Amino acid sequence: IERLEHARRLQAALSGVTAAVVGVIANLGLWFA
């Protein structure tokens, strides 16, 4: 885990995942509404 925290490529990939998660949460809000 310590090494993974400093891996630049992994940080970029996780930023993309974070953006996708925002979309998924918006989808849940719309489904619920």
ModelCIF file with pLDDT and N, C-alpha, C, O atoms, coordinates in Angstrom:
data_MODEL
#
_entry.id   MODEL 
#
_entity.id                         1 
_entity.type                       polymer 
_entity.pdbx_number_of_molecules   1 
#
_entity_poly.entity_id                      1 
_entity_poly.type                           'polypeptide(L)' 
_entity_poly.nstd_linkage                   no 
_entity_poly.nstd_monomer                   no 
_entity_poly.pdbx_seq_one_letter_code       IERLEHARRLQAALSGVTAAVVGVIANLGLWFA 
_entity_poly.pdbx_seq_one_letter_code_can   IERLEHARRLQAALSGVTAAVVGVIANLGLWFA 
_entity_poly.pdbx_strand_id                 A 
#
loop_
_entity_poly_seq.entity_id 
_entity_poly_seq.num 
_entity_poly_seq.mon_id 
_entity_poly_seq.hetero 
1 1  ILE n 
1 2  GLU n 
1 3  ARG n 
1 4  LEU n 
1 5  GLU n 
1 6  HIS n 
1 7  ALA n 
1 8  ARG n 
1 9  ARG n 
1 10 LEU n 
1 11 GLN n 
1 12 ALA n 
1 13 ALA n 
1 14 LEU n 
1 15 SER n 
1 16 GLY n 
1 17 VAL n 
1 18 THR n 
1 19 ALA n 
1 20 ALA n 
1 21 VAL n 
1 22 VAL n 
1 23 GLY n 
1 24 VAL n 
1 25 ILE n 
1 26 ALA n 
1 27 ASN n 
1 28 LEU n 
1 29 GLY n 
1 30 LEU n 
1 31 TRP n 
1 32 PHE n 
1 33 ALA n 
#
_struct_asym.id          A 
_struct_asym.entity_id   1 
#
loop_
_ma_qa_metric.id 
_ma_qa_metric.mode 
_ma_qa_metric.name 
_ma_qa_metric.software_group_id 
_ma_qa_metric.type 
1 global pLDDT . pLDDT 
2 local  pLDDT . pLDDT 
#
_ma_qa_metric_global.metric_id      1 
_ma_qa_metric_global.metric_value   79.12 
_ma_qa_metric_global.model_id       1 
_ma_qa_metric_global.ordinal_id     1 
#
loop_
_ma_qa_metric_local.label_asym_id 
_ma_qa_metric_local.label_comp_id 
_ma_qa_metric_local.label_seq_id 
_ma_qa_metric_local.metric_id 
_ma_qa_metric_local.metric_value 
_ma_qa_metric_local.model_id 
_ma_qa_metric_local.ordinal_id 
A ILE 1  2 73.00 1 1  
A GLU 2  2 74.00 1 2  
A ARG 3  2 76.00 1 3  
A LEU 4  2 73.00 1 4  
A GLU 5  2 72.00 1 5  
A HIS 6  2 78.00 1 6  
A ALA 7  2 79.00 1 7  
A ARG 8  2 79.00 1 8  
A ARG 9  2 79.00 1 9  
A LEU 10 2 79.00 1 10 
A GLN 11 2 78.00 1 11 
A ALA 12 2 78.00 1 12 
A ALA 13 2 79.00 1 13 
A LEU 14 2 75.00 1 14 
A SER 15 2 79.00 1 15 
A GLY 16 2 80.00 1 16 
A VAL 17 2 76.00 1 17 
A THR 18 2 78.00 1 18 
A ALA 19 2 80.00 1 19 
A ALA 20 2 78.00 1 20 
A VAL 21 2 75.00 1 21 
A VAL 22 2 81.00 1 22 
A GLY 23 2 82.00 1 23 
A VAL 24 2 77.00 1 24 
A ILE 25 2 79.00 1 25 
A ALA 26 2 84.00 1 26 
A ASN 27 2 81.00 1 27 
A LEU 28 2 79.00 1 28 
A GLY 29 2 84.00 1 29 
A LEU 30 2 88.00 1 30 
A TRP 31 2 85.00 1 31 
A PHE 32 2 84.00 1 32 
A ALA 33 2 89.00 1 33 
#
loop_
_atom_site.group_PDB 
_atom_site.id 
_atom_site.type_symbol 
_atom_site.label_atom_id 
_atom_site.label_alt_id 
_atom_site.label_comp_id 
_atom_site.label_asym_id 
_atom_site.label_entity_id 
_atom_site.label_seq_id 
_atom_site.pdbx_PDB_ins_code 
_atom_site.Cartn_x 
_atom_site.Cartn_y 
_atom_site.Cartn_z 
_atom_site.occupancy 
_atom_site.B_iso_or_equiv 
_atom_site.pdbx_formal_charge 
_atom_site.auth_seq_id 
_atom_site.auth_comp_id 
_atom_site.auth_asym_id 
_atom_site.auth_atom_id 
_atom_site.pdbx_PDB_model_num 
ATOM 1   N N  . ILE A 1 1  ? 0.820   -1.213 0.000   1.00 73.00 ? 1  ILE A N  1 
ATOM 2   C CA . ILE A 1 1  ? 0.000   0.000  0.000   1.00 73.00 ? 1  ILE A CA 1 
ATOM 3   C C  . ILE A 1 1  ? 0.857   1.268  0.000   1.00 73.00 ? 1  ILE A C  1 
ATOM 4   O O  . ILE A 1 1  ? 0.565   2.217  -0.727  1.00 73.00 ? 1  ILE A O  1 
ATOM 5   N N  . GLU A 1 2  ? 1.907   1.282  0.811   1.00 74.00 ? 2  GLU A N  1 
ATOM 6   C CA . GLU A 1 2  ? 2.775   2.468  0.865   1.00 74.00 ? 2  GLU A CA 1 
ATOM 7   C C  . GLU A 1 2  ? 3.357   2.781  -0.511  1.00 74.00 ? 2  GLU A C  1 
ATOM 8   O O  . GLU A 1 2  ? 3.392   3.943  -0.917  1.00 74.00 ? 2  GLU A O  1 
ATOM 9   N N  . ARG A 1 3  ? 3.804   1.774  -1.216  1.00 76.00 ? 3  ARG A N  1 
ATOM 10  C CA . ARG A 1 3  ? 4.362   1.986  -2.565  1.00 76.00 ? 3  ARG A CA 1 
ATOM 11  C C  . ARG A 1 3  ? 3.284   2.449  -3.541  1.00 76.00 ? 3  ARG A C  1 
ATOM 12  O O  . ARG A 1 3  ? 3.534   3.300  -4.394  1.00 76.00 ? 3  ARG A O  1 
ATOM 13  N N  . LEU A 1 4  ? 2.071   1.879  -3.408  1.00 73.00 ? 4  LEU A N  1 
ATOM 14  C CA . LEU A 1 4  ? 0.992   2.227  -4.332  1.00 73.00 ? 4  LEU A CA 1 
ATOM 15  C C  . LEU A 1 4  ? 0.570   3.687  -4.187  1.00 73.00 ? 4  LEU A C  1 
ATOM 16  O O  . LEU A 1 4  ? 0.136   4.304  -5.160  1.00 73.00 ? 4  LEU A O  1 
ATOM 17  N N  . GLU A 1 5  ? 0.695   4.246  -2.975  1.00 72.00 ? 5  GLU A N  1 
ATOM 18  C CA . GLU A 1 5  ? 0.317   5.639  -2.750  1.00 72.00 ? 5  GLU A CA 1 
ATOM 19  C C  . GLU A 1 5  ? 1.174   6.606  -3.555  1.00 72.00 ? 5  GLU A C  1 
ATOM 20  O O  . GLU A 1 5  ? 0.726   7.710  -3.865  1.00 72.00 ? 5  GLU A O  1 
ATOM 21  N N  . HIS A 1 6  ? 2.406   6.210  -3.900  1.00 78.00 ? 6  HIS A N  1 
ATOM 22  C CA . HIS A 1 6  ? 3.335   7.096  -4.601  1.00 78.00 ? 6  HIS A CA 1 
ATOM 23  C C  . HIS A 1 6  ? 3.461   6.764  -6.084  1.00 78.00 ? 6  HIS A C  1 
ATOM 24  O O  . HIS A 1 6  ? 4.256   7.395  -6.782  1.00 78.00 ? 6  HIS A O  1 
ATOM 25  N N  . ALA A 1 7  ? 2.709   5.805  -6.579  1.00 79.00 ? 7  ALA A N  1 
ATOM 26  C CA . ALA A 1 7  ? 2.779   5.425  -8.000  1.00 79.00 ? 7  ALA A CA 1 
ATOM 27  C C  . ALA A 1 7  ? 1.954   6.420  -8.821  1.00 79.00 ? 7  ALA A C  1 
ATOM 28  O O  . ALA A 1 7  ? 0.730   6.463  -8.701  1.00 79.00 ? 7  ALA A O  1 
ATOM 29  N N  . ARG A 1 8  ? 2.632   7.223  -9.659  1.00 79.00 ? 8  ARG A N  1 
ATOM 30  C CA . ARG A 1 8  ? 1.942   8.266  -10.440 1.00 79.00 ? 8  ARG A CA 1 
ATOM 31  C C  . ARG A 1 8  ? 0.917   7.686  -11.412 1.00 79.00 ? 8  ARG A C  1 
ATOM 32  O O  . ARG A 1 8  ? -0.173  8.238  -11.567 1.00 79.00 ? 8  ARG A O  1 
ATOM 33  N N  . ARG A 1 9  ? 1.255   6.595  -12.056 1.00 79.00 ? 9  ARG A N  1 
ATOM 34  C CA . ARG A 1 9  ? 0.302   5.992  -13.009 1.00 79.00 ? 9  ARG A CA 1 
ATOM 35  C C  . ARG A 1 9  ? -0.962  5.527  -12.304 1.00 79.00 ? 9  ARG A C  1 
ATOM 36  O O  . ARG A 1 9  ? -2.070  5.696  -12.812 1.00 79.00 ? 9  ARG A O  1 
ATOM 37  N N  . LEU A 1 10 ? -0.783  4.946  -11.141 1.00 79.00 ? 10 LEU A N  1 
ATOM 38  C CA . LEU A 1 10 ? -1.940  4.487  -10.382 1.00 79.00 ? 10 LEU A CA 1 
ATOM 39  C C  . LEU A 1 10 ? -2.779  5.671  -9.908  1.00 79.00 ? 10 LEU A C  1 
ATOM 40  O O  . LEU A 1 10 ? -4.007  5.584  -9.897  1.00 79.00 ? 10 LEU A O  1 
ATOM 41  N N  . GLN A 1 11 ? -2.144  6.773  -9.518  1.00 78.00 ? 11 GLN A N  1 
ATOM 42  C CA . GLN A 1 11 ? -2.884  7.954  -9.091  1.00 78.00 ? 11 GLN A CA 1 
ATOM 43  C C  . GLN A 1 11 ? -3.738  8.500  -10.223 1.00 78.00 ? 11 GLN A C  1 
ATOM 44  O O  . GLN A 1 11 ? -4.873  8.921  -9.998  1.00 78.00 ? 11 GLN A O  1 
ATOM 45  N N  . ALA A 1 12 ? -3.200  8.495  -11.443 1.00 78.00 ? 12 ALA A N  1 
ATOM 46  C CA . ALA A 1 12 ? -3.975  8.963  -12.591 1.00 78.00 ? 12 ALA A CA 1 
ATOM 47  C C  . ALA A 1 12 ? -5.163  8.043  -12.849 1.00 78.00 ? 12 ALA A C  1 
ATOM 48  O O  . ALA A 1 12 ? -6.263  8.514  -13.139 1.00 78.00 ? 12 ALA A O  1 
ATOM 49  N N  . ALA A 1 13 ? -4.949  6.753  -12.747 1.00 79.00 ? 13 ALA A N  1 
ATOM 50  C CA . ALA A 1 13 ? -6.049  5.801  -12.952 1.00 79.00 ? 13 ALA A CA 1 
ATOM 51  C C  . ALA A 1 13 ? -7.118  5.978  -11.884 1.00 79.00 ? 13 ALA A C  1 
ATOM 52  O O  . ALA A 1 13 ? -8.311  5.948  -12.189 1.00 79.00 ? 13 ALA A O  1 
ATOM 53  N N  . LEU A 1 14 ? -6.706  6.159  -10.648 1.00 75.00 ? 14 LEU A N  1 
ATOM 54  C CA . LEU A 1 14 ? -7.678  6.344  -9.571  1.00 75.00 ? 14 LEU A CA 1 
ATOM 55  C C  . LEU A 1 14 ? -8.434  7.663  -9.703  1.00 75.00 ? 14 LEU A C  1 
ATOM 56  O O  . LEU A 1 14 ? -9.583  7.757  -9.271  1.00 75.00 ? 14 LEU A O  1 
ATOM 57  N N  . SER A 1 15 ? -7.814  8.674  -10.287 1.00 79.00 ? 15 SER A N  1 
ATOM 58  C CA . SER A 1 15 ? -8.530  9.930  -10.565 1.00 79.00 ? 15 SER A CA 1 
ATOM 59  C C  . SER A 1 15 ? -9.649  9.677  -11.572 1.00 79.00 ? 15 SER A C  1 
ATOM 60  O O  . SER A 1 15 ? -10.744 10.224 -11.446 1.00 79.00 ? 15 SER A O  1 
ATOM 61  N N  . GLY A 1 16 ? -9.367  8.852  -12.560 1.00 80.00 ? 16 GLY A N  1 
ATOM 62  C CA . GLY A 1 16 ? -10.408 8.481  -13.527 1.00 80.00 ? 16 GLY A CA 1 
ATOM 63  C C  . GLY A 1 16 ? -11.530 7.704  -12.870 1.00 80.00 ? 16 GLY A C  1 
ATOM 64  O O  . GLY A 1 16 ? -12.703 7.912  -13.179 1.00 80.00 ? 16 GLY A O  1 
ATOM 65  N N  . VAL A 1 17 ? -11.171 6.806  -11.961 1.00 76.00 ? 17 VAL A N  1 
ATOM 66  C CA . VAL A 1 17 ? -12.177 6.042  -11.231 1.00 76.00 ? 17 VAL A CA 1 
ATOM 67  C C  . VAL A 1 17 ? -13.033 6.982  -10.389 1.00 76.00 ? 17 VAL A C  1 
ATOM 68  O O  . VAL A 1 17 ? -14.251 6.821  -10.316 1.00 76.00 ? 17 VAL A O  1 
ATOM 69  N N  . THR A 1 18 ? -12.397 7.957  -9.759  1.00 78.00 ? 18 THR A N  1 
ATOM 70  C CA . THR A 1 18 ? -13.135 8.920  -8.939  1.00 78.00 ? 18 THR A CA 1 
ATOM 71  C C  . THR A 1 18 ? -14.152 9.684  -9.785  1.00 78.00 ? 18 THR A C  1 
ATOM 72  O O  . THR A 1 18 ? -15.282 9.905  -9.349  1.00 78.00 ? 18 THR A O  1 
ATOM 73  N N  . ALA A 1 19 ? -13.758 10.082 -10.980 1.00 80.00 ? 19 ALA A N  1 
ATOM 74  C CA . ALA A 1 19 ? -14.690 10.781 -11.867 1.00 80.00 ? 19 ALA A CA 1 
ATOM 75  C C  . ALA A 1 19 ? -15.862 9.876  -12.243 1.00 80.00 ? 19 ALA A C  1 
ATOM 76  O O  . ALA A 1 19 ? -17.007 10.326 -12.293 1.00 80.00 ? 19 ALA A O  1 
ATOM 77  N N  . ALA A 1 20 ? -15.577 8.614  -12.504 1.00 78.00 ? 20 ALA A N  1 
ATOM 78  C CA . ALA A 1 20 ? -16.646 7.678  -12.845 1.00 78.00 ? 20 ALA A CA 1 
ATOM 79  C C  . ALA A 1 20 ? -17.585 7.463  -11.659 1.00 78.00 ? 20 ALA A C  1 
ATOM 80  O O  . ALA A 1 20 ? -18.794 7.315  -11.838 1.00 78.00 ? 20 ALA A O  1 
ATOM 81  N N  . VAL A 1 21 ? -17.028 7.446  -10.457 1.00 75.00 ? 21 VAL A N  1 
ATOM 82  C CA . VAL A 1 21 ? -17.842 7.248  -9.263  1.00 75.00 ? 21 VAL A CA 1 
ATOM 83  C C  . VAL A 1 21 ? -18.834 8.397  -9.091  1.00 75.00 ? 21 VAL A C  1 
ATOM 84  O O  . VAL A 1 21 ? -19.969 8.175  -8.669  1.00 75.00 ? 21 VAL A O  1 
ATOM 85  N N  . VAL A 1 22 ? -18.420 9.608  -9.409  1.00 81.00 ? 22 VAL A N  1 
ATOM 86  C CA . VAL A 1 22 ? -19.334 10.752 -9.336  1.00 81.00 ? 22 VAL A CA 1 
ATOM 87  C C  . VAL A 1 22 ? -20.532 10.515 -10.255 1.00 81.00 ? 22 VAL A C  1 
ATOM 88  O O  . VAL A 1 22 ? -21.673 10.780 -9.876  1.00 81.00 ? 22 VAL A O  1 
ATOM 89  N N  . GLY A 1 23 ? -20.269 10.020 -11.454 1.00 82.00 ? 23 GLY A N  1 
ATOM 90  C CA . GLY A 1 23 ? -21.355 9.710  -12.385 1.00 82.00 ? 23 GLY A CA 1 
ATOM 91  C C  . GLY A 1 23 ? -22.265 8.613  -11.865 1.00 82.00 ? 23 GLY A C  1 
ATOM 92  O O  . GLY A 1 23 ? -23.482 8.692  -12.026 1.00 82.00 ? 23 GLY A O  1 
ATOM 93  N N  . VAL A 1 24 ? -21.699 7.603  -11.251 1.00 77.00 ? 24 VAL A N  1 
ATOM 94  C CA . VAL A 1 24 ? -22.494 6.500  -10.710 1.00 77.00 ? 24 VAL A CA 1 
ATOM 95  C C  . VAL A 1 24 ? -23.366 6.995  -9.556  1.00 77.00 ? 24 VAL A C  1 
ATOM 96  O O  . VAL A 1 24 ? -24.525 6.597  -9.438  1.00 77.00 ? 24 VAL A O  1 
ATOM 97  N N  . ILE A 1 25 ? -22.814 7.858  -8.709  1.00 79.00 ? 25 ILE A N  1 
ATOM 98  C CA . ILE A 1 25 ? -23.599 8.406  -7.596  1.00 79.00 ? 25 ILE A CA 1 
ATOM 99  C C  . ILE A 1 25 ? -24.736 9.280  -8.131  1.00 79.00 ? 25 ILE A C  1 
ATOM 100 O O  . ILE A 1 25 ? -25.844 9.253  -7.597  1.00 79.00 ? 25 ILE A O  1 
ATOM 101 N N  . ALA A 1 26 ? -24.464 10.045 -9.174  1.00 84.00 ? 26 ALA A N  1 
ATOM 102 C CA . ALA A 1 26 ? -25.532 10.841 -9.804  1.00 84.00 ? 26 ALA A CA 1 
ATOM 103 C C  . ALA A 1 26 ? -26.612 9.922  -10.361 1.00 84.00 ? 26 ALA A C  1 
ATOM 104 O O  . ALA A 1 26 ? -27.802 10.221 -10.254 1.00 84.00 ? 26 ALA A O  1 
ATOM 105 N N  . ASN A 1 27 ? -26.202 8.807  -10.952 1.00 81.00 ? 27 ASN A N  1 
ATOM 106 C CA . ASN A 1 27 ? -27.162 7.831  -11.471 1.00 81.00 ? 27 ASN A CA 1 
ATOM 107 C C  . ASN A 1 27 ? -28.035 7.280  -10.357 1.00 81.00 ? 27 ASN A C  1 
ATOM 108 O O  . ASN A 1 27 ? -29.241 7.119  -10.545 1.00 81.00 ? 27 ASN A O  1 
ATOM 109 N N  . LEU A 1 28 ? -27.450 6.985  -9.196  1.00 79.00 ? 28 LEU A N  1 
ATOM 110 C CA . LEU A 1 28 ? -28.223 6.499  -8.064  1.00 79.00 ? 28 LEU A CA 1 
ATOM 111 C C  . LEU A 1 28 ? -29.226 7.546  -7.598  1.00 79.00 ? 28 LEU A C  1 
ATOM 112 O O  . LEU A 1 28 ? -30.379 7.223  -7.310  1.00 79.00 ? 28 LEU A O  1 
ATOM 113 N N  . GLY A 1 29 ? -28.787 8.799  -7.524  1.00 84.00 ? 29 GLY A N  1 
ATOM 114 C CA . GLY A 1 29 ? -29.696 9.872  -7.130  1.00 84.00 ? 29 GLY A CA 1 
ATOM 115 C C  . GLY A 1 29 ? -30.870 10.010 -8.088  1.00 84.00 ? 29 GLY A C  1 
ATOM 116 O O  . GLY A 1 29 ? -32.009 10.197 -7.662  1.00 84.00 ? 29 GLY A O  1 
ATOM 117 N N  . LEU A 1 30 ? -30.589 9.917  -9.380  1.00 88.00 ? 30 LEU A N  1 
ATOM 118 C CA . LEU A 1 30 ? -31.663 9.993  -10.378 1.00 88.00 ? 30 LEU A CA 1 
ATOM 119 C C  . LEU A 1 30 ? -32.607 8.801  -10.272 1.00 88.00 ? 30 LEU A C  1 
ATOM 120 O O  . LEU A 1 30 ? -33.824 8.963  -10.360 1.00 88.00 ? 30 LEU A O  1 
ATOM 121 N N  . TRP A 1 31 ? -32.046 7.594  -10.081 1.00 85.00 ? 31 TRP A N  1 
ATOM 122 C CA . TRP A 1 31 ? -32.876 6.397  -9.968  1.00 85.00 ? 31 TRP A CA 1 
ATOM 123 C C  . TRP A 1 31 ? -33.797 6.521  -8.755  1.00 85.00 ? 31 TRP A C  1 
ATOM 124 O O  . TRP A 1 31 ? -34.992 6.234  -8.831  1.00 85.00 ? 31 TRP A O  1 
ATOM 125 N N  . PHE A 1 32 ? -33.215 6.954  -7.637  1.00 84.00 ? 32 PHE A N  1 
ATOM 126 C CA . PHE A 1 32 ? -33.976 7.105  -6.403  1.00 84.00 ? 32 PHE A CA 1 
ATOM 127 C C  . PHE A 1 32 ? -35.080 8.143  -6.593  1.00 84.00 ? 32 PHE A C  1 
ATOM 128 O O  . PHE A 1 32 ? -36.230 7.896  -6.229  1.00 84.00 ? 32 PHE A O  1 
ATOM 129 N N  . ALA A 1 33 ? -34.740 9.301  -7.160  1.00 89.00 ? 33 ALA A N  1 
ATOM 130 C CA . ALA A 1 33 ? -35.729 10.359 -7.387  1.00 89.00 ? 33 ALA A CA 1 
ATOM 131 C C  . ALA A 1 33 ? -36.834 9.888  -8.326  1.00 89.00 ? 33 ALA A C  1 
ATOM 132 O O  . ALA A 1 33 ? -37.753 10.649 -8.630  1.00 89.00 ? 33 ALA A O  1 
#
